Amino acid sequence: MSEHHLATDPTLPEPAELNAIFERAEMRDLYRISYLANALVLPVYDGIKHDFGLTRGEYLLIFCLAHLPVLTAQDVARMSKRPRNTISRAVHRMLAEGFIDRALDPEDGRQARLTITDKGRALHRTVVRRWLAREAEALAVLDDAERAALDRILQKLVTHAADLPE
């Protein structure tokens, strides 16, 4: 079937009829998870890039350090599932901007221990409000029992995904 024919075929669903593609997809659940991640996360990252000049890797570095006091770049890459070179670039820029500090690990001189600065923490507090608003907006369709079920399911999937081969 040509692309033109696909675009004008009246038997195909309109773009707004998302469930039609989800029901037809061979990897139905992964496609839905991917769709949700893109729909919910990408607009926030676009706004963060526009308003603060931060890339996804840079913000994820700040985010991780805002929640865990000392990490290595390798820790952040593992926790965020972002490529190590992306996090490495983020470390250099966030150091230059004064959002994080770095010190050699006394137990392993090859590793650098990263910490967030007060400036980085202030940035995180500002940016995280966008994430909280997006999360509230996205999950507003769920009642308390559904939210609790989603929380359990996501925790189980994240824990399992951490052990999957890359």
Protein backbone atom coordinates (compact mmCIF):
# COMPACT_ATOMS: atom_id res chain seq x y z
CA MET A 1 0.00 0.00 0.00
CA SER A 2 1.45 3.41 -0.90
CA GLU A 3 1.86 6.20 1.64
CA HIS A 4 -0.76 8.23 -0.19
CA HIS A 5 -3.20 5.35 -0.03
CA LEU A 6 -2.52 4.89 3.69
CA ALA A 7 -3.25 8.54 4.34
CA THR A 8 -6.57 8.46 2.52
CA ASP A 9 -7.79 4.94 3.36
CA PRO A 10 -11.13 5.41 5.18
CA THR A 11 -10.77 2.03 6.94
CA LEU A 12 -7.73 3.25 8.88
CA PRO A 13 -8.30 5.03 12.17
CA GLU A 14 -8.04 8.78 12.57
CA PRO A 15 -4.94 9.87 14.50
CA ALA A 16 -7.09 10.62 17.55
CA GLU A 17 -8.23 7.00 17.70
CA LEU A 18 -5.12 5.84 19.50
CA ASN A 19 -6.54 2.63 20.83
CA ALA A 20 -6.83 1.26 17.29
CA ILE A 21 -3.05 1.24 16.84
CA PHE A 22 -2.52 0.01 20.39
CA GLU A 23 -4.85 -2.92 19.80
CA ARG A 24 -3.14 -3.82 16.50
CA ALA A 25 0.46 -3.48 17.61
CA GLU A 26 2.44 -6.68 18.12
CA MET A 27 4.21 -5.13 21.11
CA ARG A 28 1.08 -3.51 22.48
CA ASP A 29 2.22 -2.84 26.03
CA LEU A 30 5.68 -1.54 25.13
CA TYR A 31 4.19 0.72 22.49
CA ARG A 32 1.71 2.13 25.02
CA ILE A 33 4.46 2.67 27.59
CA SER A 34 6.59 4.40 24.96
CA TYR A 35 3.65 6.56 23.86
CA LEU A 36 2.92 7.59 27.46
CA ALA A 37 6.56 8.37 28.19
CA ASN A 38 6.83 10.53 25.08
CA ALA A 39 3.48 12.27 25.60
CA LEU A 40 4.11 13.04 29.25
CA VAL A 41 7.85 13.66 29.44
CA LEU A 42 8.97 15.23 26.16
CA PRO A 43 6.91 18.44 26.49
CA VAL A 44 8.37 19.05 29.94
CA TYR A 45 11.93 18.49 28.72
CA ASP A 46 11.27 20.83 25.79
CA GLY A 47 10.15 23.53 28.25
CA ILE A 48 13.17 22.95 30.48
CA LYS A 49 15.48 23.24 27.47
CA HIS A 50 13.75 26.41 26.30
CA ASP A 51 13.49 28.15 29.67
CA PHE A 52 16.66 26.96 31.44
CA GLY A 53 18.92 25.77 28.61
CA LEU A 54 19.24 22.31 30.18
CA THR A 55 19.45 19.10 28.21
CA ARG A 56 17.73 15.96 29.45
CA GLY A 57 21.03 14.54 30.70
CA GLU A 58 21.88 17.75 32.54
CA TYR A 59 18.55 17.85 34.33
CA LEU A 60 18.68 14.15 35.17
CA LEU A 61 22.09 14.71 36.73
CA ILE A 62 20.67 17.53 38.88
CA PHE A 63 17.59 15.43 39.69
CA CYS A 64 19.60 12.42 40.87
CA LEU A 65 21.93 14.55 42.97
CA ALA A 66 18.99 16.39 44.53
CA HIS A 67 17.81 13.04 45.93
CA LEU A 68 21.06 11.22 46.71
CA PRO A 69 23.85 13.25 48.31
CA VAL A 70 26.91 11.75 46.59
CA LEU A 71 27.01 9.95 43.24
CA THR A 72 29.44 9.20 40.44
CA ALA A 73 28.64 9.94 36.81
CA GLN A 74 28.40 6.18 36.31
CA ASP A 75 25.78 5.99 39.09
CA VAL A 76 23.71 8.67 37.37
CA ALA A 77 23.97 6.93 33.99
CA ARG A 78 22.81 3.68 35.55
CA MET A 79 19.92 5.31 37.46
CA SER A 80 18.70 7.35 34.52
CA LYS A 81 19.33 4.81 31.76
CA ARG A 82 21.12 7.58 29.83
CA PRO A 83 24.37 6.94 27.93
CA ARG A 84 27.53 7.50 29.98
CA ASN A 85 28.91 10.00 27.46
CA THR A 86 25.70 12.06 27.79
CA ILE A 87 26.07 12.17 31.56
CA SER A 88 29.79 12.92 31.26
CA ARG A 89 29.04 15.97 29.09
CA ALA A 90 26.34 16.99 31.57
CA VAL A 91 28.83 16.75 34.45
CA HIS A 92 31.29 19.08 32.69
CA ARG A 93 28.63 21.68 31.91
CA MET A 94 26.95 21.53 35.33
CA LEU A 95 30.37 21.94 37.00
CA ALA A 96 31.11 24.96 34.80
CA GLU A 97 27.70 26.47 35.63
CA GLY A 98 28.16 25.91 39.35
CA PHE A 99 25.22 23.52 39.77
CA ILE A 100 27.37 20.63 41.05
CA ASP A 101 30.73 20.05 42.71
CA ARG A 102 33.24 17.25 42.17
CA ALA A 103 35.83 15.68 44.45
CA LEU A 104 38.06 12.66 43.96
CA ASP A 105 36.84 9.53 45.67
CA PRO A 106 39.34 8.82 48.47
CA GLU A 107 38.85 5.06 48.02
CA ASP A 108 39.19 5.09 44.22
CA GLY A 109 41.12 8.01 42.74
CA ARG A 110 39.77 7.18 39.29
CA GLN A 111 36.22 8.04 40.37
CA ALA A 112 34.85 11.50 40.99
CA ARG A 113 32.22 11.99 43.68
CA LEU A 114 29.55 14.46 42.59
CA THR A 115 27.39 16.59 44.87
CA ILE A 116 24.76 19.23 44.18
CA THR A 117 25.41 22.86 45.13
CA ASP A 118 22.91 25.27 46.65
CA LYS A 119 22.55 26.79 43.17
CA GLY A 120 21.78 23.33 41.73
CA ARG A 121 19.29 22.59 44.50
CA ALA A 122 17.49 25.89 43.81
CA LEU A 123 17.32 25.01 40.11
CA HIS A 124 15.90 21.59 40.95
CA ARG A 125 13.21 23.12 43.21
CA THR A 126 12.16 25.43 40.37
CA VAL A 127 12.13 22.78 37.65
CA VAL A 128 10.54 20.00 39.70
CA ARG A 129 7.34 22.08 40.00
CA ARG A 130 6.83 21.53 36.25
CA TRP A 131 7.18 17.78 36.71
CA LEU A 132 4.76 17.74 39.62
CA ALA A 133 2.18 19.70 37.63
CA ARG A 134 2.54 17.36 34.65
CA GLU A 135 2.28 14.29 36.87
CA ALA A 136 -0.85 15.63 38.56
CA GLU A 137 -2.38 16.47 35.18
CA ALA A 138 -1.57 13.07 33.69
CA LEU A 139 -2.72 10.99 36.65
CA ALA A 140 -5.86 12.99 37.45
CA VAL A 141 -7.96 10.38 35.62
CA LEU A 142 -7.05 7.74 38.22
CA ASP A 143 -8.80 7.26 41.55
CA ASP A 144 -6.87 6.47 44.74
CA ALA A 145 -7.06 2.69 44.26
CA GLU A 146 -5.87 2.97 40.65
CA ARG A 147 -3.00 5.25 41.72
CA ALA A 148 -1.95 2.72 44.37
CA ALA A 149 -2.15 -0.12 41.83
CA LEU A 150 -0.16 1.90 39.30
CA ASP A 151 2.48 2.63 41.94
CA ARG A 152 2.88 -1.08 42.73
CA ILE A 153 3.00 -2.06 39.06
CA LEU A 154 5.52 0.64 38.16
CA GLN A 155 7.74 -0.31 41.10
CA LYS A 156 7.68 -3.94 40.02
CA LEU A 157 8.43 -3.07 36.37
CA VAL A 158 11.25 -0.65 37.24
CA THR A 159 12.88 -3.17 39.55
CA HIS A 160 12.67 -5.86 36.87
CA ALA A 161 13.82 -3.52 34.06
CA ALA A 162 16.95 -2.66 36.06
CA ASP A 163 18.05 -6.29 35.66
CA LEU A 164 17.24 -6.66 31.95
CA PRO A 165 20.20 -6.85 29.57
CA GLU A 166 20.89 -3.70 27.58
